[in-house]
Amino acid sequence: MSYLDHTRPYNGKPLEYTLCLTVDECKLLLPVMKTALKRQQKLYEKYRDIQDSGEATTRQQTALMDAEAGVAYLEDAVEKAQELIKLFEK
């Protein structure tokens, strides 16, 4: 699993972080990642509802963007962990 950080370029390219996990570690972490994803989705829904009502402050709009980024990151992590488990379980 790797993560590209486009906010901090390294030699003109995005900085890339790589997380190395074994299949057993993925199996252990998958439920934790799914729980974190559910929490992040609830937080995103909360701030999206505030935004949709038209009463969001600047701070709440920033929190909405942060929550949206967190959901995207966690969805990607869960998907990659599931792919790794399926790949090596055959």
C-alpha atoms as a PDB file:
ATOM      1  CA  MET A   1       0.000   0.000   0.000  1.00  0.00           C
ATOM      2  CA  SER A   2       1.466   3.380  -0.856  1.00  0.00           C
ATOM      3  CA  TYR A   3       0.287   6.932  -0.422  1.00  0.00           C
ATOM      4  CA  LEU A   4       1.262   9.893  -2.593  1.00  0.00           C
ATOM      5  CA  ASP A   5       1.533  13.227  -0.808  1.00  0.00           C
ATOM      6  CA  HIS A   6       1.136  15.923  -3.466  1.00  0.00           C
ATOM      7  CA  THR A   7       1.486  18.705  -0.899  1.00  0.00           C
ATOM      8  CA  ARG A   8       5.182  18.019  -0.253  1.00  0.00           C
ATOM      9  CA  PRO A   9       7.155  17.539  -3.452  1.00  0.00           C
ATOM     10  CA  TYR A  10      10.413  15.646  -3.313  1.00  0.00           C
ATOM     11  CA  ASN A  11      12.778  16.392  -6.209  1.00  0.00           C
ATOM     12  CA  GLY A  12       9.874  17.709  -8.271  1.00  0.00           C
ATOM     13  CA  LYS A  13       7.741  14.595  -7.703  1.00  0.00           C
ATOM     14  CA  PRO A  14       5.068  13.871  -5.089  1.00  0.00           C
ATOM     15  CA  LEU A  15       6.399  12.411  -1.873  1.00  0.00           C
ATOM     16  CA  GLU A  16       5.399   8.742  -1.614  1.00  0.00           C
ATOM     17  CA  TYR A  17       4.873   6.835   1.615  1.00  0.00           C
ATOM     18  CA  THR A  18       4.745   3.057   1.507  1.00  0.00           C
ATOM     19  CA  LEU A  19       3.242   0.864   4.187  1.00  0.00           C
ATOM     20  CA  CYS A  20       4.403  -2.739   4.151  1.00  0.00           C
ATOM     21  CA  LEU A  21       2.066  -5.264   5.743  1.00  0.00           C
ATOM     22  CA  THR A  22       1.872  -9.017   5.765  1.00  0.00           C
ATOM     23  CA  VAL A  23      -1.403 -10.750   4.978  1.00  0.00           C
ATOM     24  CA  ASP A  24      -1.841 -11.613   8.661  1.00  0.00           C
ATOM     25  CA  GLU A  25      -1.352  -7.963   9.612  1.00  0.00           C
ATOM     26  CA  CYS A  26      -3.936  -6.949   7.012  1.00  0.00           C
ATOM     27  CA  LYS A  27      -6.401  -9.437   8.459  1.00  0.00           C
ATOM     28  CA  LEU A  28      -5.847  -7.978  11.935  1.00  0.00           C
ATOM     29  CA  LEU A  29      -6.063  -4.353  10.837  1.00  0.00           C
ATOM     30  CA  LEU A  30      -8.989  -4.663   8.427  1.00  0.00           C
ATOM     31  CA  PRO A  31     -11.725  -4.556  11.126  1.00  0.00           C
ATOM     32  CA  VAL A  32     -10.012  -1.564  12.757  1.00  0.00           C
ATOM     33  CA  MET A  33      -9.808   0.254   9.418  1.00  0.00           C
ATOM     34  CA  LYS A  34     -13.478  -0.497   8.697  1.00  0.00           C
ATOM     35  CA  THR A  35     -14.479   0.897  12.101  1.00  0.00           C
ATOM     36  CA  ALA A  36     -12.421   4.029  11.495  1.00  0.00           C
ATOM     37  CA  LEU A  37     -14.019   4.374   8.056  1.00  0.00           C
ATOM     38  CA  LYS A  38     -17.529   4.196   9.532  1.00  0.00           C
ATOM     39  CA  ARG A  39     -16.668   6.870  12.097  1.00  0.00           C
ATOM     40  CA  GLN A  40     -15.156   9.091   9.435  1.00  0.00           C
ATOM     41  CA  GLN A  41     -18.216   8.625   7.199  1.00  0.00           C
ATOM     42  CA  LYS A  42     -20.499   9.677  10.076  1.00  0.00           C
ATOM     43  CA  LEU A  43     -18.376  12.753  10.662  1.00  0.00           C
ATOM     44  CA  TYR A  44     -18.494  13.570   6.959  1.00  0.00           C
ATOM     45  CA  GLU A  45     -22.295  13.170   6.900  1.00  0.00           C
ATOM     46  CA  LYS A  46     -22.605  15.462   9.916  1.00  0.00           C
ATOM     47  CA  TYR A  47     -20.626  18.271   8.308  1.00  0.00           C
ATOM     48  CA  ARG A  48     -22.220  17.726   4.901  1.00  0.00           C
ATOM     49  CA  ASP A  49     -25.673  18.115   6.457  1.00  0.00           C
ATOM     50  CA  ILE A  50     -24.564  21.373   8.081  1.00  0.00           C
ATOM     51  CA  GLN A  51     -23.109  22.541   4.764  1.00  0.00           C
ATOM     52  CA  ASP A  52     -26.282  21.580   2.872  1.00  0.00           C
ATOM     53  CA  SER A  53     -28.435  23.523   5.312  1.00  0.00           C
ATOM     54  CA  GLY A  54     -26.439  26.642   4.436  1.00  0.00           C
ATOM     55  CA  GLU A  55     -25.393  27.379   8.001  1.00  0.00           C
ATOM     56  CA  ALA A  56     -21.799  26.119   7.940  1.00  0.00           C
ATOM     57  CA  THR A  57     -19.051  28.289   9.329  1.00  0.00           C
ATOM     58  CA  THR A  58     -15.628  28.440   7.729  1.00  0.00           C
ATOM     59  CA  ARG A  59     -14.328  26.060  10.376  1.00  0.00           C
ATOM     60  CA  GLN A  60     -17.111  23.569   9.631  1.00  0.00           C
ATOM     61  CA  GLN A  61     -16.406  23.800   5.903  1.00  0.00           C
ATOM     62  CA  THR A  62     -12.752  23.027   6.593  1.00  0.00           C
ATOM     63  CA  ALA A  63     -13.802  20.096   8.785  1.00  0.00           C
ATOM     64  CA  LEU A  64     -16.007  18.850   5.920  1.00  0.00           C
ATOM     65  CA  MET A  65     -13.073  18.895   3.502  1.00  0.00           C
ATOM     66  CA  ASP A  66     -10.849  17.123   6.040  1.00  0.00           C
ATOM     67  CA  ALA A  67     -13.512  14.490   6.680  1.00  0.00           C
ATOM     68  CA  GLU A  68     -13.978  13.957   2.937  1.00  0.00           C
ATOM     69  CA  ALA A  69     -10.234  13.425   2.487  1.00  0.00           C
ATOM     70  CA  GLY A  70     -10.196  11.018   5.432  1.00  0.00           C
ATOM     71  CA  VAL A  71     -13.048   8.977   3.960  1.00  0.00           C
ATOM     72  CA  ALA A  72     -11.277   8.737   0.613  1.00  0.00           C
ATOM     73  CA  TYR A  73      -8.008   7.680   2.243  1.00  0.00           C
ATOM     74  CA  LEU A  74      -9.635   5.049   4.457  1.00  0.00           C
ATOM     75  CA  GLU A  75     -11.777   3.661   1.619  1.00  0.00           C
ATOM     76  CA  ASP A  76      -8.612   3.221  -0.431  1.00  0.00           C
ATOM     77  CA  ALA A  77      -6.778   1.563   2.464  1.00  0.00           C
ATOM     78  CA  VAL A  78      -9.650  -0.862   3.146  1.00  0.00           C
ATOM     79  CA  GLU A  79      -9.946  -1.726  -0.552  1.00  0.00           C
ATOM     80  CA  LYS A  80      -6.225  -2.397  -0.894  1.00  0.00           C
ATOM     81  CA  ALA A  81      -6.141  -4.509   2.267  1.00  0.00           C
ATOM     82  CA  GLN A  82      -9.076  -6.600   0.993  1.00  0.00           C
ATOM     83  CA  GLU A  83      -7.362  -7.054  -2.383  1.00  0.00           C
ATOM     84  CA  LEU A  84      -4.167  -8.195  -0.680  1.00  0.00           C
ATOM     85  CA  ILE A  85      -6.029 -10.710   1.459  1.00  0.00           C
ATOM     86  CA  LYS A  86      -7.927 -12.112  -1.555  1.00  0.00           C
ATOM     87  CA  LEU A  87      -4.746 -12.296  -3.614  1.00  0.00           C
ATOM     88  CA  PHE A  88      -2.809 -14.358  -1.093  1.00  0.00           C
ATOM     89  CA  GLU A  89      -5.653 -16.504   0.221  1.00  0.00           C
ATOM     90  CA  LYS A  90      -6.043 -18.443  -3.011  1.00  0.00           C
END
